[in-house]
Amino acid sequence: MRKIRMKRVISLAMGVVLTFTLLACGATSKAVIDDQAAVRGLEEGAGEIWIDDEAIALAGTAVSSQAALDACSAVLNMMNQQRAAQGLAALAWSDALTNAAQVRANEIVDVFSHTRPNGSAFWTVDSNVQYGENLAKLYQSADSVYQAWMNSPTHAANIMDGGYKTVGIAISQAGDGSWYWAQEFGY
């Protein structure tokens, strides 16, 4: 009887310690997971021109592998096929949005959020062109990231927004090989 009681006490104690450990780890985590798509209103930031030159310099850490370039192209093709099926015009590739997407992909490796590490809005990388943003992390293929975006109502809404005319997509690779995706939309 005494052994059974002791086992229960030890089990309870271990459960309490484990619970507090998990709660403490979650509470101190700096990672912010923002699974919502981001949009900027047409009047938001009107008259302001923001181009973050320091952030643009970060674009040199892009994933340069042919696989990443092919993945971005494949996502564009899937988006345009889906848009055509819904009677929407194809999105045109934008080098300016791709540059902004590369900055954002590099930034989200450290802070996964639609807010930039300096606290400013996503669109401040290049306020002349950025109006919508989809982010993703840990998807290693075009099919998987596209499916995840289309399964999310807010991300799919950006992809299927009939007002958007241009897009840029970029991937940054973390030290562990994981891919971080940024998709920027413009008018």
C-alpha atoms as a PDB file:
ATOM      1  CA  MET A   1       0.000   0.000   0.000  1.00  0.00           C
ATOM      2  CA  ARG A   2       2.819   2.339   0.883  1.00  0.00           C
ATOM      3  CA  LYS A   3       4.576   1.655  -2.481  1.00  0.00           C
ATOM      4  CA  ILE A   4       1.440   2.491  -4.445  1.00  0.00           C
ATOM      5  CA  ARG A   5       0.996   5.751  -2.517  1.00  0.00           C
ATOM      6  CA  MET A   6       4.665   6.670  -3.065  1.00  0.00           C
ATOM      7  CA  LYS A   7       4.365   5.958  -6.816  1.00  0.00           C
ATOM      8  CA  ARG A   8       1.309   8.225  -7.013  1.00  0.00           C
ATOM      9  CA  VAL A   9       3.096  11.035  -5.186  1.00  0.00           C
ATOM     10  CA  ILE A  10       6.158  10.714  -7.432  1.00  0.00           C
ATOM     11  CA  SER A  11       3.982  10.580 -10.568  1.00  0.00           C
ATOM     12  CA  LEU A  12       2.047  13.652  -9.475  1.00  0.00           C
ATOM     13  CA  ALA A  13       5.250  15.537  -8.664  1.00  0.00           C
ATOM     14  CA  MET A  14       6.777  14.651 -12.019  1.00  0.00           C
ATOM     15  CA  GLY A  15       3.604  15.737 -13.794  1.00  0.00           C
ATOM     16  CA  VAL A  16       3.626  19.096 -12.009  1.00  0.00           C
ATOM     17  CA  VAL A  17       7.311  19.661 -12.796  1.00  0.00           C
ATOM     18  CA  LEU A  18       6.801  18.731 -16.443  1.00  0.00           C
ATOM     19  CA  THR A  19       3.763  20.999 -16.745  1.00  0.00           C
ATOM     20  CA  PHE A  20       5.585  23.993 -15.255  1.00  0.00           C
ATOM     21  CA  THR A  21       8.635  23.313 -17.411  1.00  0.00           C
ATOM     22  CA  LEU A  22       6.549  23.314 -20.589  1.00  0.00           C
ATOM     23  CA  LEU A  23       4.680  26.440 -19.544  1.00  0.00           C
ATOM     24  CA  ALA A  24       7.895  28.220 -18.652  1.00  0.00           C
ATOM     25  CA  CYS A  25       9.519  27.319 -21.962  1.00  0.00           C
ATOM     26  CA  GLY A  26       6.535  28.615 -23.880  1.00  0.00           C
ATOM     27  CA  ALA A  27       6.341  31.804 -21.849  1.00  0.00           C
ATOM     28  CA  THR A  28       9.952  32.762 -22.467  1.00  0.00           C
ATOM     29  CA  SER A  29       9.938  31.990 -26.177  1.00  0.00           C
ATOM     30  CA  LYS A  30      10.691  35.054 -28.280  1.00  0.00           C
ATOM     31  CA  ALA A  31       9.289  33.500 -31.442  1.00  0.00           C
ATOM     32  CA  VAL A  32       6.084  35.119 -32.572  1.00  0.00           C
ATOM     33  CA  ILE A  33       3.930  33.073 -34.878  1.00  0.00           C
ATOM     34  CA  ASP A  34       1.632  35.220 -36.935  1.00  0.00           C
ATOM     35  CA  ASP A  35      -0.406  32.993 -39.203  1.00  0.00           C
ATOM     36  CA  GLN A  36      -2.404  35.817 -40.680  1.00  0.00           C
ATOM     37  CA  ALA A  37      -1.709  37.422 -44.018  1.00  0.00           C
ATOM     38  CA  ALA A  38      -0.925  41.112 -43.984  1.00  0.00           C
ATOM     39  CA  VAL A  39      -2.347  43.881 -46.134  1.00  0.00           C
ATOM     40  CA  ARG A  40      -1.804  47.603 -46.347  1.00  0.00           C
ATOM     41  CA  GLY A  41      -4.601  49.933 -47.295  1.00  0.00           C
ATOM     42  CA  LEU A  42      -4.174  52.124 -50.350  1.00  0.00           C
ATOM     43  CA  GLU A  43      -4.120  55.234 -48.167  1.00  0.00           C
ATOM     44  CA  GLU A  44      -1.881  53.778 -45.452  1.00  0.00           C
ATOM     45  CA  GLY A  45       1.469  55.499 -45.745  1.00  0.00           C
ATOM     46  CA  ALA A  46       0.218  57.617 -48.652  1.00  0.00           C
ATOM     47  CA  GLY A  47       2.712  60.310 -49.569  1.00  0.00           C
ATOM     48  CA  GLU A  48       5.448  58.608 -47.595  1.00  0.00           C
ATOM     49  CA  ILE A  49       8.292  56.935 -49.379  1.00  0.00           C
ATOM     50  CA  TRP A  50      10.066  54.353 -47.292  1.00  0.00           C
ATOM     51  CA  ILE A  51      12.927  52.364 -48.655  1.00  0.00           C
ATOM     52  CA  ASP A  52      14.987  50.723 -45.965  1.00  0.00           C
ATOM     53  CA  ASP A  53      18.483  50.814 -47.479  1.00  0.00           C
ATOM     54  CA  GLU A  54      19.955  48.814 -44.586  1.00  0.00           C
ATOM     55  CA  ALA A  55      17.416  46.045 -45.107  1.00  0.00           C
ATOM     56  CA  ILE A  56      17.971  45.977 -48.852  1.00  0.00           C
ATOM     57  CA  ALA A  57      21.647  45.305 -48.172  1.00  0.00           C
ATOM     58  CA  LEU A  58      20.546  42.106 -46.420  1.00  0.00           C
ATOM     59  CA  ALA A  59      19.316  40.725 -49.716  1.00  0.00           C
ATOM     60  CA  GLY A  60      22.746  39.220 -50.337  1.00  0.00           C
ATOM     61  CA  THR A  61      21.923  36.314 -48.001  1.00  0.00           C
ATOM     62  CA  ALA A  62      19.308  34.947 -50.366  1.00  0.00           C
ATOM     63  CA  VAL A  63      19.029  31.289 -51.160  1.00  0.00           C
ATOM     64  CA  SER A  64      20.869  31.180 -54.454  1.00  0.00           C
ATOM     65  CA  SER A  65      20.309  27.550 -55.278  1.00  0.00           C
ATOM     66  CA  GLN A  66      18.538  26.724 -58.474  1.00  0.00           C
ATOM     67  CA  ALA A  67      16.079  24.681 -56.417  1.00  0.00           C
ATOM     68  CA  ALA A  68      14.929  27.787 -54.546  1.00  0.00           C
ATOM     69  CA  LEU A  69      14.609  29.815 -57.745  1.00  0.00           C
ATOM     70  CA  ASP A  70      12.635  26.992 -59.333  1.00  0.00           C
ATOM     71  CA  ALA A  71      10.414  26.778 -56.230  1.00  0.00           C
ATOM     72  CA  CYS A  72       9.536  30.488 -56.423  1.00  0.00           C
ATOM     73  CA  SER A  73       8.736  30.141 -60.120  1.00  0.00           C
ATOM     74  CA  ALA A  74       6.586  27.074 -59.431  1.00  0.00           C
ATOM     75  CA  VAL A  75       4.583  28.965 -56.782  1.00  0.00           C
ATOM     76  CA  LEU A  76       3.974  31.771 -59.284  1.00  0.00           C
ATOM     77  CA  ASN A  77       2.762  29.240 -61.860  1.00  0.00           C
ATOM     78  CA  MET A  78       0.404  27.556 -59.366  1.00  0.00           C
ATOM     79  CA  MET A  79      -0.989  30.927 -58.288  1.00  0.00           C
ATOM     80  CA  ASN A  80      -1.621  32.013 -61.846  1.00  0.00           C
ATOM     81  CA  GLN A  81      -3.262  28.702 -62.751  1.00  0.00           C
ATOM     82  CA  GLN A  82      -5.610  29.050 -59.763  1.00  0.00           C
ATOM     83  CA  ARG A  83      -6.332  32.684 -60.580  1.00  0.00           C
ATOM     84  CA  ALA A  84      -7.076  31.814 -64.225  1.00  0.00           C
ATOM     85  CA  ALA A  85      -9.459  29.074 -63.078  1.00  0.00           C
ATOM     86  CA  GLN A  86     -11.330  31.764 -61.108  1.00  0.00           C
ATOM     87  CA  GLY A  87     -11.369  34.208 -64.025  1.00  0.00           C
ATOM     88  CA  LEU A  88      -8.682  36.471 -62.568  1.00  0.00           C
ATOM     89  CA  ALA A  89      -5.745  37.974 -64.454  1.00  0.00           C
ATOM     90  CA  ALA A  90      -2.316  36.468 -63.948  1.00  0.00           C
ATOM     91  CA  LEU A  91       0.056  38.172 -61.550  1.00  0.00           C
ATOM     92  CA  ALA A  92       3.151  39.646 -63.202  1.00  0.00           C
ATOM     93  CA  TRP A  93       6.572  39.006 -61.646  1.00  0.00           C
ATOM     94  CA  SER A  94       8.025  42.168 -60.102  1.00  0.00           C
ATOM     95  CA  ASP A  95      11.741  42.538 -59.457  1.00  0.00           C
ATOM     96  CA  ALA A  96      11.045  45.347 -56.964  1.00  0.00           C
ATOM     97  CA  LEU A  97       8.653  43.102 -55.015  1.00  0.00           C
ATOM     98  CA  THR A  98      11.111  40.222 -55.230  1.00  0.00           C
ATOM     99  CA  ASN A  99      13.806  42.430 -53.700  1.00  0.00           C
ATOM    100  CA  ALA A 100      11.406  43.402 -50.910  1.00  0.00           C
ATOM    101  CA  ALA A 101      10.407  39.752 -50.480  1.00  0.00           C
ATOM    102  CA  GLN A 102      14.057  38.793 -50.110  1.00  0.00           C
ATOM    103  CA  VAL A 103      14.531  41.348 -47.354  1.00  0.00           C
ATOM    104  CA  ARG A 104      11.415  40.077 -45.589  1.00  0.00           C
ATOM    105  CA  ALA A 105      12.448  36.417 -46.008  1.00  0.00           C
ATOM    106  CA  ASN A 106      15.807  37.221 -44.426  1.00  0.00           C
ATOM    107  CA  GLU A 107      14.127  39.070 -41.551  1.00  0.00           C
ATOM    108  CA  ILE A 108      11.644  36.334 -40.666  1.00  0.00           C
ATOM    109  CA  VAL A 109      14.397  33.802 -40.093  1.00  0.00           C
ATOM    110  CA  ASP A 110      14.981  35.598 -36.776  1.00  0.00           C
ATOM    111  CA  VAL A 111      11.561  37.135 -36.081  1.00  0.00           C
ATOM    112  CA  PHE A 112       8.610  35.445 -37.780  1.00  0.00           C
ATOM    113  CA  SER A 113       6.087  38.264 -37.937  1.00  0.00           C
ATOM    114  CA  HIS A 114       4.492  40.718 -40.340  1.00  0.00           C
ATOM    115  CA  THR A 115       6.095  43.404 -38.192  1.00  0.00           C
ATOM    116  CA  ARG A 116       9.718  43.988 -39.092  1.00  0.00           C
ATOM    117  CA  PRO A 117      12.475  43.460 -36.508  1.00  0.00           C
ATOM    118  CA  ASN A 118      12.778  47.247 -36.059  1.00  0.00           C
ATOM    119  CA  GLY A 119       9.048  47.459 -35.203  1.00  0.00           C
ATOM    120  CA  SER A 120       7.892  48.980 -38.497  1.00  0.00           C
ATOM    121  CA  ALA A 121       5.239  47.577 -40.819  1.00  0.00           C
ATOM    122  CA  PHE A 122       6.139  44.943 -43.430  1.00  0.00           C
ATOM    123  CA  TRP A 123       5.560  47.339 -46.303  1.00  0.00           C
ATOM    124  CA  THR A 124       8.251  49.774 -45.180  1.00  0.00           C
ATOM    125  CA  VAL A 125      10.931  47.774 -47.002  1.00  0.00           C
ATOM    126  CA  ASP A 126       9.685  49.510 -50.167  1.00  0.00           C
ATOM    127  CA  SER A 127       6.462  51.439 -49.625  1.00  0.00           C
ATOM    128  CA  ASN A 128       6.180  52.195 -53.333  1.00  0.00           C
ATOM    129  CA  VAL A 129       5.304  48.632 -54.233  1.00  0.00           C
ATOM    130  CA  GLN A 130       4.285  46.507 -51.220  1.00  0.00           C
ATOM    131  CA  TYR A 131       0.586  46.187 -50.386  1.00  0.00           C
ATOM    132  CA  GLY A 132       0.103  42.584 -49.270  1.00  0.00           C
ATOM    133  CA  GLU A 133       2.267  39.897 -47.726  1.00  0.00           C
ATOM    134  CA  ASN A 134       2.185  36.156 -47.147  1.00  0.00           C
ATOM    135  CA  LEU A 135       4.868  34.498 -45.032  1.00  0.00           C
ATOM    136  CA  ALA A 136       5.691  30.863 -44.382  1.00  0.00           C
ATOM    137  CA  LYS A 137       8.397  28.883 -42.689  1.00  0.00           C
ATOM    138  CA  LEU A 138       9.700  25.331 -42.767  1.00  0.00           C
ATOM    139  CA  TYR A 139       8.146  24.391 -46.123  1.00  0.00           C
ATOM    140  CA  GLN A 140      10.813  22.903 -48.363  1.00  0.00           C
ATOM    141  CA  SER A 141       8.813  22.722 -51.610  1.00  0.00           C
ATOM    142  CA  ALA A 142       6.617  24.910 -53.778  1.00  0.00           C
ATOM    143  CA  ASP A 143       3.713  22.476 -53.541  1.00  0.00           C
ATOM    144  CA  SER A 144       3.728  22.362 -49.754  1.00  0.00           C
ATOM    145  CA  VAL A 145       3.959  26.124 -49.202  1.00  0.00           C
ATOM    146  CA  TYR A 146       1.349  26.868 -51.866  1.00  0.00           C
ATOM    147  CA  GLN A 147      -1.044  24.321 -50.365  1.00  0.00           C
ATOM    148  CA  ALA A 148      -0.532  25.819 -46.890  1.00  0.00           C
ATOM    149  CA  TRP A 149      -1.244  29.326 -48.166  1.00  0.00           C
ATOM    150  CA  MET A 150      -4.352  28.174 -50.033  1.00  0.00           C
ATOM    151  CA  ASN A 151      -5.611  26.306 -46.949  1.00  0.00           C
ATOM    152  CA  SER A 152      -5.463  29.541 -44.951  1.00  0.00           C
ATOM    153  CA  PRO A 153      -8.386  31.877 -45.767  1.00  0.00           C
ATOM    154  CA  THR A 154      -6.371  35.053 -45.179  1.00  0.00           C
ATOM    155  CA  HIS A 155      -3.383  33.923 -47.246  1.00  0.00           C
ATOM    156  CA  ALA A 156      -5.612  32.595 -50.027  1.00  0.00           C
ATOM    157  CA  ALA A 157      -7.435  35.943 -50.051  1.00  0.00           C
ATOM    158  CA  ASN A 158      -4.157  37.707 -50.847  1.00  0.00           C
ATOM    159  CA  ILE A 159      -3.363  35.231 -53.620  1.00  0.00           C
ATOM    160  CA  MET A 160      -6.837  35.508 -55.110  1.00  0.00           C
ATOM    161  CA  ASP A 161      -7.241  39.282 -54.665  1.00  0.00           C
ATOM    162  CA  GLY A 162      -8.352  40.585 -58.049  1.00  0.00           C
ATOM    163  CA  GLY A 163      -6.834  43.995 -57.338  1.00  0.00           C
ATOM    164  CA  TYR A 164      -3.274  42.775 -57.094  1.00  0.00           C
ATOM    165  CA  LYS A 165      -1.382  42.867 -60.378  1.00  0.00           C
ATOM    166  CA  THR A 166       2.206  42.046 -59.367  1.00  0.00           C
ATOM    167  CA  VAL A 167       4.035  39.658 -57.049  1.00  0.00           C
ATOM    168  CA  GLY A 168       7.513  38.876 -55.820  1.00  0.00           C
ATOM    169  CA  ILE A 169       8.545  35.707 -53.987  1.00  0.00           C
ATOM    170  CA  ALA A 170      11.783  34.915 -52.192  1.00  0.00           C
ATOM    171  CA  ILE A 171      13.268  32.310 -49.870  1.00  0.00           C
ATOM    172  CA  SER A 172      15.889  32.661 -47.180  1.00  0.00           C
ATOM    173  CA  GLN A 173      17.627  29.641 -45.759  1.00  0.00           C
ATOM    174  CA  ALA A 174      18.319  29.355 -42.036  1.00  0.00           C
ATOM    175  CA  GLY A 175      21.489  27.818 -40.661  1.00  0.00           C
ATOM    176  CA  ASP A 176      19.712  24.490 -40.191  1.00  0.00           C
ATOM    177  CA  GLY A 177      18.677  24.408 -43.869  1.00  0.00           C
ATOM    178  CA  SER A 178      15.025  25.393 -43.262  1.00  0.00           C
ATOM    179  CA  TRP A 179      13.379  27.646 -45.827  1.00  0.00           C
ATOM    180  CA  TYR A 180      11.557  30.870 -44.931  1.00  0.00           C
ATOM    181  CA  TRP A 181       9.251  32.253 -47.602  1.00  0.00           C
ATOM    182  CA  ALA A 182       8.007  35.785 -48.278  1.00  0.00           C
ATOM    183  CA  GLN A 183       5.450  36.622 -50.924  1.00  0.00           C
ATOM    184  CA  GLU A 184       4.804  40.326 -51.583  1.00  0.00           C
ATOM    185  CA  PHE A 185       1.883  41.706 -53.597  1.00  0.00           C
ATOM    186  CA  GLY A 186       1.413  45.000 -55.409  1.00  0.00           C
ATOM    187  CA  TYR A 187      -0.960  46.933 -57.635  1.00  0.00           C
END
